[in-house]
């Protein structure tokens, strides 16, 4: 990959004029080389109106764009498209645009980004950007994931800690089975916010337990645990705060 030395600008507020520039090179009707992505133009251009789009300008021209799915209500965000003008591909601009997008996501409280790559080439690109596939045993899930904040690391189940979140990669109430993952809970001063969030790919039918010394505060399937700071889909768990009295 050639590294760029050209001046560039990240465009956060995309205008109709920016869209017109993108449509011109994306359709390229004069050269009869319309990109397959142009078939989704109505969907892509709608992102400008909802402010779910970012562009990259180089030498006064828009040469690429990235879009995402939702507003910033959750700590998980999904990228839909990252598209670069053909003549600027392979020069590092896609990486610049993706990193700028991740910076925005962090500012908005996003902790994990997911996407589904459409081609082998894009698959290689996103892996270089730090994305990982969901565990192989879940072949039906074709998404790639990237944690854009540093999560807690798993500690030994035998390590002594005053307060922990424990996760089993199955649902079993057998107390003889040690948890598959154990995370020590440490809070910010005078706060219920964790110093470091717990983030992991999972199955929401797995067992999860919140324990403070010998007191069990909650013990159930992941999908029945989350509230007030815990975020869980069938695929991922994110905990950045714990509120004991409001846990269901």
C-alpha atoms as a PDB file:
ATOM      1  CA  UNK A   1       0.000   0.000   0.000  1.00  0.00           C
ATOM      2  CA  UNK A   2       1.347   3.425  -0.964  1.00  0.00           C
ATOM      3  CA  UNK A   3       1.280   5.969   1.835  1.00  0.00           C
ATOM      4  CA  UNK A   4      -0.352   9.267   0.982  1.00  0.00           C
ATOM      5  CA  UNK A   5       1.457  12.586   1.216  1.00  0.00           C
ATOM      6  CA  UNK A   6      -1.446  14.646  -0.139  1.00  0.00           C
ATOM      7  CA  UNK A   7      -3.364  17.146   1.969  1.00  0.00           C
ATOM      8  CA  UNK A   8      -6.728  15.840   3.100  1.00  0.00           C
ATOM      9  CA  UNK A   9      -9.769  17.000   5.061  1.00  0.00           C
ATOM     10  CA  UNK A  10     -12.404  15.014   6.913  1.00  0.00           C
ATOM     11  CA  UNK A  11     -15.914  16.299   6.164  1.00  0.00           C
ATOM     12  CA  UNK A  12     -18.333  15.718   9.054  1.00  0.00           C
ATOM     13  CA  UNK A  13     -21.181  17.846   7.720  1.00  0.00           C
ATOM     14  CA  UNK A  14     -21.896  16.374   4.303  1.00  0.00           C
ATOM     15  CA  UNK A  15     -23.763  18.667   1.907  1.00  0.00           C
ATOM     16  CA  UNK A  16     -25.750  18.105  -1.281  1.00  0.00           C
ATOM     17  CA  UNK A  17     -22.737  19.356  -3.225  1.00  0.00           C
ATOM     18  CA  UNK A  18     -20.563  16.674  -1.652  1.00  0.00           C
ATOM     19  CA  UNK A  19     -23.165  14.071  -2.634  1.00  0.00           C
ATOM     20  CA  UNK A  20     -23.145  15.339  -6.215  1.00  0.00           C
ATOM     21  CA  UNK A  21     -19.371  14.885  -6.375  1.00  0.00           C
ATOM     22  CA  UNK A  22     -19.619  11.349  -5.034  1.00  0.00           C
ATOM     23  CA  UNK A  23     -22.416  10.418  -7.423  1.00  0.00           C
ATOM     24  CA  UNK A  24     -20.385  11.686 -10.365  1.00  0.00           C
ATOM     25  CA  UNK A  25     -17.455   9.328  -9.808  1.00  0.00           C
ATOM     26  CA  UNK A  26     -19.534   6.505  -8.379  1.00  0.00           C
ATOM     27  CA  UNK A  27     -21.800   6.347 -11.427  1.00  0.00           C
ATOM     28  CA  UNK A  28     -19.185   7.377 -14.026  1.00  0.00           C
ATOM     29  CA  UNK A  29     -21.791   6.893 -16.745  1.00  0.00           C
ATOM     30  CA  UNK A  30     -19.618   8.466 -19.428  1.00  0.00           C
ATOM     31  CA  UNK A  31     -17.095   5.640 -19.136  1.00  0.00           C
ATOM     32  CA  UNK A  32     -19.811   3.006 -18.681  1.00  0.00           C
ATOM     33  CA  UNK A  33     -18.146   1.815 -15.473  1.00  0.00           C
ATOM     34  CA  UNK A  34     -20.956   2.229 -12.979  1.00  0.00           C
ATOM     35  CA  UNK A  35     -20.032   0.819  -9.576  1.00  0.00           C
ATOM     36  CA  UNK A  36     -22.381  -1.886  -8.252  1.00  0.00           C
ATOM     37  CA  UNK A  37     -22.607   0.228  -5.114  1.00  0.00           C
ATOM     38  CA  UNK A  38     -24.394   2.885  -7.140  1.00  0.00           C
ATOM     39  CA  UNK A  39     -27.413   0.572  -7.182  1.00  0.00           C
ATOM     40  CA  UNK A  40     -27.828   1.549  -3.513  1.00  0.00           C
ATOM     41  CA  UNK A  41     -27.474   5.271  -4.140  1.00  0.00           C
ATOM     42  CA  UNK A  42     -30.891   6.262  -2.791  1.00  0.00           C
ATOM     43  CA  UNK A  43     -30.084   4.478   0.449  1.00  0.00           C
ATOM     44  CA  UNK A  44     -26.569   5.968   0.663  1.00  0.00           C
ATOM     45  CA  UNK A  45     -27.631   9.541  -0.136  1.00  0.00           C
ATOM     46  CA  UNK A  46     -30.324   9.368   2.562  1.00  0.00           C
ATOM     47  CA  UNK A  47     -27.520   9.123   5.124  1.00  0.00           C
ATOM     48  CA  UNK A  48     -26.559  12.709   4.378  1.00  0.00           C
ATOM     49  CA  UNK A  49     -29.933  13.899   5.642  1.00  0.00           C
ATOM     50  CA  UNK A  50     -29.663  11.888   8.883  1.00  0.00           C
ATOM     51  CA  UNK A  51     -26.024  12.886   9.493  1.00  0.00           C
ATOM     52  CA  UNK A  52     -24.835   9.284   9.373  1.00  0.00           C
ATOM     53  CA  UNK A  53     -22.110   9.903   6.836  1.00  0.00           C
ATOM     54  CA  UNK A  54     -18.552  11.230   6.675  1.00  0.00           C
ATOM     55  CA  UNK A  55     -16.471  12.161   3.623  1.00  0.00           C
ATOM     56  CA  UNK A  56     -12.803  12.568   2.768  1.00  0.00           C
ATOM     57  CA  UNK A  57     -11.637  15.501   0.643  1.00  0.00           C
ATOM     58  CA  UNK A  58      -8.252  15.461  -1.114  1.00  0.00           C
ATOM     59  CA  UNK A  59      -6.935  18.309  -3.270  1.00  0.00           C
ATOM     60  CA  UNK A  60     -10.349  19.960  -3.168  1.00  0.00           C
ATOM     61  CA  UNK A  61     -12.317  16.896  -4.281  1.00  0.00           C
ATOM     62  CA  UNK A  62     -14.401  14.345  -2.387  1.00  0.00           C
ATOM     63  CA  UNK A  63     -12.691  10.991  -2.964  1.00  0.00           C
ATOM     64  CA  UNK A  64     -14.400   8.700  -0.436  1.00  0.00           C
ATOM     65  CA  UNK A  65     -17.172   8.290   2.096  1.00  0.00           C
ATOM     66  CA  UNK A  66     -18.245   6.104   4.991  1.00  0.00           C
ATOM     67  CA  UNK A  67     -21.757   5.524   6.389  1.00  0.00           C
ATOM     68  CA  UNK A  68     -23.127   3.910   9.514  1.00  0.00           C
ATOM     69  CA  UNK A  69     -26.468   2.457  10.536  1.00  0.00           C
ATOM     70  CA  UNK A  70     -27.820   4.094  13.657  1.00  0.00           C
ATOM     71  CA  UNK A  71     -27.673   7.185  15.803  1.00  0.00           C
ATOM     72  CA  UNK A  72     -25.546   7.060  18.915  1.00  0.00           C
ATOM     73  CA  UNK A  73     -27.985   5.597  21.422  1.00  0.00           C
ATOM     74  CA  UNK A  74     -25.998   2.414  22.027  1.00  0.00           C
ATOM     75  CA  UNK A  75     -22.341   1.484  22.605  1.00  0.00           C
ATOM     76  CA  UNK A  76     -22.431  -0.692  19.466  1.00  0.00           C
ATOM     77  CA  UNK A  77     -22.318   0.868  15.997  1.00  0.00           C
ATOM     78  CA  UNK A  78     -22.408  -0.754  12.547  1.00  0.00           C
ATOM     79  CA  UNK A  79     -20.588   0.460   9.458  1.00  0.00           C
ATOM     80  CA  UNK A  80     -22.474   0.040   6.194  1.00  0.00           C
ATOM     81  CA  UNK A  81     -20.231   1.384   3.448  1.00  0.00           C
ATOM     82  CA  UNK A  82     -16.654   2.550   3.097  1.00  0.00           C
ATOM     83  CA  UNK A  83     -16.136   3.511  -0.545  1.00  0.00           C
ATOM     84  CA  UNK A  84     -13.159   5.180  -2.220  1.00  0.00           C
ATOM     85  CA  UNK A  85     -12.855   6.578  -5.735  1.00  0.00           C
ATOM     86  CA  UNK A  86     -10.970   3.999  -7.825  1.00  0.00           C
ATOM     87  CA  UNK A  87      -7.907   6.104  -8.571  1.00  0.00           C
ATOM     88  CA  UNK A  88      -7.331   6.795  -4.862  1.00  0.00           C
ATOM     89  CA  UNK A  89      -7.589   3.212  -3.683  1.00  0.00           C
ATOM     90  CA  UNK A  90      -4.552   1.511  -2.167  1.00  0.00           C
ATOM     91  CA  UNK A  91      -3.001   4.780  -0.995  1.00  0.00           C
ATOM     92  CA  UNK A  92      -4.005   4.779   2.672  1.00  0.00           C
ATOM     93  CA  UNK A  93      -7.040   7.036   2.369  1.00  0.00           C
ATOM     94  CA  UNK A  94      -9.487   4.309   3.373  1.00  0.00           C
ATOM     95  CA  UNK A  95      -7.538   3.783   6.578  1.00  0.00           C
ATOM     96  CA  UNK A  96      -7.574   7.533   7.288  1.00  0.00           C
ATOM     97  CA  UNK A  97     -11.334   7.716   6.789  1.00  0.00           C
ATOM     98  CA  UNK A  98     -12.020   4.635   8.924  1.00  0.00           C
ATOM     99  CA  UNK A  99      -9.846   5.899  11.789  1.00  0.00           C
ATOM    100  CA  UNK A 100     -11.555   9.300  11.694  1.00  0.00           C
ATOM    101  CA  UNK A 101     -14.898   7.534  11.878  1.00  0.00           C
ATOM    102  CA  UNK A 102     -13.738   5.516  14.908  1.00  0.00           C
ATOM    103  CA  UNK A 103     -12.626   8.742  16.610  1.00  0.00           C
ATOM    104  CA  UNK A 104     -16.133  10.158  16.155  1.00  0.00           C
ATOM    105  CA  UNK A 105     -17.674   6.943  17.471  1.00  0.00           C
ATOM    106  CA  UNK A 106     -15.546   7.100  20.635  1.00  0.00           C
ATOM    107  CA  UNK A 107     -16.611  10.693  21.244  1.00  0.00           C
ATOM    108  CA  UNK A 108     -20.229   9.515  21.023  1.00  0.00           C
ATOM    109  CA  UNK A 109     -19.712   6.699  23.532  1.00  0.00           C
ATOM    110  CA  UNK A 110     -19.399   3.804  21.080  1.00  0.00           C
ATOM    111  CA  UNK A 111     -17.206   0.952  22.282  1.00  0.00           C
ATOM    112  CA  UNK A 112     -17.612  -1.691  19.577  1.00  0.00           C
ATOM    113  CA  UNK A 113     -17.944  -1.469  15.795  1.00  0.00           C
ATOM    114  CA  UNK A 114     -19.327  -4.248  13.609  1.00  0.00           C
ATOM    115  CA  UNK A 115     -19.535  -4.731   9.868  1.00  0.00           C
ATOM    116  CA  UNK A 116     -19.939  -7.339   7.179  1.00  0.00           C
ATOM    117  CA  UNK A 117     -17.393  -7.272   4.361  1.00  0.00           C
ATOM    118  CA  UNK A 118     -18.728  -7.860   0.871  1.00  0.00           C
ATOM    119  CA  UNK A 119     -15.554  -9.033  -0.882  1.00  0.00           C
ATOM    120  CA  UNK A 120     -12.323 -10.840  -0.114  1.00  0.00           C
ATOM    121  CA  UNK A 121     -10.438  -7.587  -0.727  1.00  0.00           C
ATOM    122  CA  UNK A 122     -12.508  -5.677   1.839  1.00  0.00           C
ATOM    123  CA  UNK A 123     -12.180  -8.622   4.218  1.00  0.00           C
ATOM    124  CA  UNK A 124      -8.390  -8.253   4.103  1.00  0.00           C
ATOM    125  CA  UNK A 125      -8.638  -4.479   4.618  1.00  0.00           C
ATOM    126  CA  UNK A 126     -10.831  -4.733   7.711  1.00  0.00           C
ATOM    127  CA  UNK A 127      -8.653  -7.427   9.241  1.00  0.00           C
ATOM    128  CA  UNK A 128      -5.692  -5.069   8.874  1.00  0.00           C
ATOM    129  CA  UNK A 129      -7.797  -2.454  10.666  1.00  0.00           C
ATOM    130  CA  UNK A 130      -8.104  -4.801  13.648  1.00  0.00           C
ATOM    131  CA  UNK A 131     -11.492  -6.392  13.000  1.00  0.00           C
ATOM    132  CA  UNK A 132     -12.027 -10.005  13.991  1.00  0.00           C
ATOM    133  CA  UNK A 133     -14.626 -12.542  12.955  1.00  0.00           C
ATOM    134  CA  UNK A 134     -17.120 -13.952  15.404  1.00  0.00           C
ATOM    135  CA  UNK A 135     -15.920 -17.327  16.788  1.00  0.00           C
ATOM    136  CA  UNK A 136     -15.816 -20.030  14.119  1.00  0.00           C
ATOM    137  CA  UNK A 137     -18.314 -22.236  15.893  1.00  0.00           C
ATOM    138  CA  UNK A 138     -20.972 -19.625  15.086  1.00  0.00           C
ATOM    139  CA  UNK A 139     -20.773 -19.891  11.322  1.00  0.00           C
ATOM    140  CA  UNK A 140     -24.148 -18.202  10.824  1.00  0.00           C
ATOM    141  CA  UNK A 141     -22.646 -14.925  12.053  1.00  0.00           C
ATOM    142  CA  UNK A 142     -20.661 -13.352   9.212  1.00  0.00           C
ATOM    143  CA  UNK A 143     -19.866 -10.079  10.941  1.00  0.00           C
ATOM    144  CA  UNK A 144     -16.494  -8.652  11.901  1.00  0.00           C
ATOM    145  CA  UNK A 145     -15.990  -6.754  15.168  1.00  0.00           C
ATOM    146  CA  UNK A 146     -13.538  -4.225  16.542  1.00  0.00           C
ATOM    147  CA  UNK A 147     -13.319  -2.990  20.126  1.00  0.00           C
ATOM    148  CA  UNK A 148     -12.418   0.700  19.796  1.00  0.00           C
ATOM    149  CA  UNK A 149     -11.809   1.123  23.521  1.00  0.00           C
ATOM    150  CA  UNK A 150      -9.602  -1.091  25.677  1.00  0.00           C
ATOM    151  CA  UNK A 151     -11.725  -3.685  27.520  1.00  0.00           C
ATOM    152  CA  UNK A 152     -11.005  -5.510  30.744  1.00  0.00           C
ATOM    153  CA  UNK A 153      -8.856  -8.598  30.500  1.00  0.00           C
ATOM    154  CA  UNK A 154     -10.028 -11.951  31.727  1.00  0.00           C
ATOM    155  CA  UNK A 155      -8.493 -13.007  35.061  1.00  0.00           C
ATOM    156  CA  UNK A 156      -8.048 -16.510  36.443  1.00  0.00           C
ATOM    157  CA  UNK A 157     -11.199 -17.973  37.969  1.00  0.00           C
ATOM    158  CA  UNK A 158      -9.069 -18.923  40.978  1.00  0.00           C
ATOM    159  CA  UNK A 159      -7.834 -15.385  41.580  1.00  0.00           C
ATOM    160  CA  UNK A 160      -9.178 -13.769  44.748  1.00  0.00           C
ATOM    161  CA  UNK A 161     -11.203 -10.595  44.078  1.00  0.00           C
ATOM    162  CA  UNK A 162     -13.807  -8.768  46.161  1.00  0.00           C
ATOM    163  CA  UNK A 163     -16.241  -8.333  43.298  1.00  0.00           C
ATOM    164  CA  UNK A 164     -16.439 -10.072  39.917  1.00  0.00           C
ATOM    165  CA  UNK A 165     -18.542 -10.732  36.858  1.00  0.00           C
ATOM    166  CA  UNK A 166     -18.305 -14.398  35.859  1.00  0.00           C
ATOM    167  CA  UNK A 167     -19.383 -15.858  32.523  1.00  0.00           C
ATOM    168  CA  UNK A 168     -19.758 -19.484  31.446  1.00  0.00           C
ATOM    169  CA  UNK A 169     -19.724 -20.262  27.704  1.00  0.00           C
ATOM    170  CA  UNK A 170     -22.795 -22.400  28.217  1.00  0.00           C
ATOM    171  CA  UNK A 171     -25.723 -22.365  30.579  1.00  0.00           C
ATOM    172  CA  UNK A 172     -25.031 -24.659  33.511  1.00  0.00           C
ATOM    173  CA  UNK A 173     -25.810 -24.300  37.201  1.00  0.00           C
ATOM    174  CA  UNK A 174     -23.207 -26.917  38.116  1.00  0.00           C
ATOM    175  CA  UNK A 175     -21.073 -25.210  40.774  1.00  0.00           C
ATOM    176  CA  UNK A 176     -18.215 -27.596  40.044  1.00  0.00           C
ATOM    177  CA  UNK A 177     -17.676 -25.986  36.658  1.00  0.00           C
ATOM    178  CA  UNK A 178     -15.409 -22.958  36.839  1.00  0.00           C
ATOM    179  CA  UNK A 179     -16.436 -19.882  34.834  1.00  0.00           C
ATOM    180  CA  UNK A 180     -14.943 -19.528  31.375  1.00  0.00           C
ATOM    181  CA  UNK A 181     -14.360 -15.791  31.901  1.00  0.00           C
ATOM    182  CA  UNK A 182     -13.879 -13.800  35.088  1.00  0.00           C
ATOM    183  CA  UNK A 183     -13.655 -10.010  35.276  1.00  0.00           C
ATOM    184  CA  UNK A 184     -12.690  -8.092  38.397  1.00  0.00           C
ATOM    185  CA  UNK A 185     -14.954  -5.142  39.154  1.00  0.00           C
ATOM    186  CA  UNK A 186     -13.295  -1.832  39.995  1.00  0.00           C
ATOM    187  CA  UNK A 187     -15.314   1.379  40.074  1.00  0.00           C
ATOM    188  CA  UNK A 188     -14.454   5.001  39.518  1.00  0.00           C
ATOM    189  CA  UNK A 189     -14.286   6.936  42.806  1.00  0.00           C
ATOM    190  CA  UNK A 190     -17.756   7.441  44.339  1.00  0.00           C
ATOM    191  CA  UNK A 191     -19.362   6.037  41.203  1.00  0.00           C
ATOM    192  CA  UNK A 192     -21.025   2.933  39.802  1.00  0.00           C
ATOM    193  CA  UNK A 193     -19.080   3.358  36.545  1.00  0.00           C
ATOM    194  CA  UNK A 194     -16.408   0.740  35.887  1.00  0.00           C
ATOM    195  CA  UNK A 195     -12.845   1.972  35.490  1.00  0.00           C
ATOM    196  CA  UNK A 196     -12.527  -0.320  32.483  1.00  0.00           C
ATOM    197  CA  UNK A 197     -15.559  -1.694  30.615  1.00  0.00           C
ATOM    198  CA  UNK A 198     -16.239  -5.385  30.182  1.00  0.00           C
ATOM    199  CA  UNK A 199     -16.610  -6.182  26.494  1.00  0.00           C
ATOM    200  CA  UNK A 200     -16.833  -9.624  24.981  1.00  0.00           C
ATOM    201  CA  UNK A 201     -18.329 -11.549  22.107  1.00  0.00           C
ATOM    202  CA  UNK A 202     -20.769 -14.055  23.491  1.00  0.00           C
ATOM    203  CA  UNK A 203     -24.050 -15.885  23.154  1.00  0.00           C
ATOM    204  CA  UNK A 204     -26.857 -14.349  25.176  1.00  0.00           C
ATOM    205  CA  UNK A 205     -27.909 -17.793  26.432  1.00  0.00           C
ATOM    206  CA  UNK A 206     -24.641 -18.164  28.342  1.00  0.00           C
ATOM    207  CA  UNK A 207     -24.687 -18.028  32.118  1.00  0.00           C
ATOM    208  CA  UNK A 208     -23.524 -14.846  33.838  1.00  0.00           C
ATOM    209  CA  UNK A 209     -23.067 -14.125  37.525  1.00  0.00           C
ATOM    210  CA  UNK A 210     -22.390 -10.938  39.477  1.00  0.00           C
ATOM    211  CA  UNK A 211     -20.728 -11.787  42.786  1.00  0.00           C
ATOM    212  CA  UNK A 212     -19.474  -9.630  45.646  1.00  0.00           C
ATOM    213  CA  UNK A 213     -17.311 -11.832  47.873  1.00  0.00           C
ATOM    214  CA  UNK A 214     -19.712 -14.636  48.881  1.00  0.00           C
ATOM    215  CA  UNK A 215     -22.887 -12.722  48.028  1.00  0.00           C
ATOM    216  CA  UNK A 216     -24.540 -13.508  44.698  1.00  0.00           C
ATOM    217  CA  UNK A 217     -26.153 -10.331  43.325  1.00  0.00           C
ATOM    218  CA  UNK A 218     -27.393 -11.861  40.090  1.00  0.00           C
ATOM    219  CA  UNK A 219     -27.121 -15.274  38.409  1.00  0.00           C
ATOM    220  CA  UNK A 220     -28.943 -15.898  35.112  1.00  0.00           C
ATOM    221  CA  UNK A 221     -28.589 -16.004  31.343  1.00  0.00           C
ATOM    222  CA  UNK A 222     -26.865 -12.977  29.840  1.00  0.00           C
ATOM    223  CA  UNK A 223     -30.031 -11.892  28.035  1.00  0.00           C
ATOM    224  CA  UNK A 224     -31.872 -11.656  31.366  1.00  0.00           C
ATOM    225  CA  UNK A 225     -29.125  -9.749  33.145  1.00  0.00           C
ATOM    226  CA  UNK A 226     -28.651  -6.440  31.412  1.00  0.00           C
ATOM    227  CA  UNK A 227     -30.128  -3.122  32.442  1.00  0.00           C
ATOM    228  CA  UNK A 228     -28.833   0.352  33.372  1.00  0.00           C
ATOM    229  CA  UNK A 229     -25.433   0.113  31.759  1.00  0.00           C
ATOM    230  CA  UNK A 230     -25.310  -3.497  30.649  1.00  0.00           C
ATOM    231  CA  UNK A 231     -25.812  -3.839  26.917  1.00  0.00           C
ATOM    232  CA  UNK A 232     -26.330  -7.256  25.351  1.00  0.00           C
ATOM    233  CA  UNK A 233     -27.436  -8.507  22.004  1.00  0.00           C
ATOM    234  CA  UNK A 234     -27.326 -12.160  21.126  1.00  0.00           C
ATOM    235  CA  UNK A 235     -23.730 -11.654  20.054  1.00  0.00           C
ATOM    236  CA  UNK A 236     -22.024  -9.210  22.384  1.00  0.00           C
ATOM    237  CA  UNK A 237     -21.919  -8.047  25.995  1.00  0.00           C
ATOM    238  CA  UNK A 238     -20.847  -4.558  27.070  1.00  0.00           C
ATOM    239  CA  UNK A 239     -20.839  -3.469  30.720  1.00  0.00           C
ATOM    240  CA  UNK A 240     -19.615  -0.019  31.680  1.00  0.00           C
ATOM    241  CA  UNK A 241     -21.567   0.442  34.915  1.00  0.00           C
ATOM    242  CA  UNK A 242     -23.490  -1.628  37.465  1.00  0.00           C
ATOM    243  CA  UNK A 243     -26.554  -0.464  39.354  1.00  0.00           C
ATOM    244  CA  UNK A 244     -27.386  -3.049  42.000  1.00  0.00           C
ATOM    245  CA  UNK A 245     -30.820  -1.924  43.089  1.00  0.00           C
ATOM    246  CA  UNK A 246     -32.133  -1.628  39.520  1.00  0.00           C
ATOM    247  CA  UNK A 247     -30.909  -4.912  38.105  1.00  0.00           C
ATOM    248  CA  UNK A 248     -33.874  -7.079  37.104  1.00  0.00           C
END
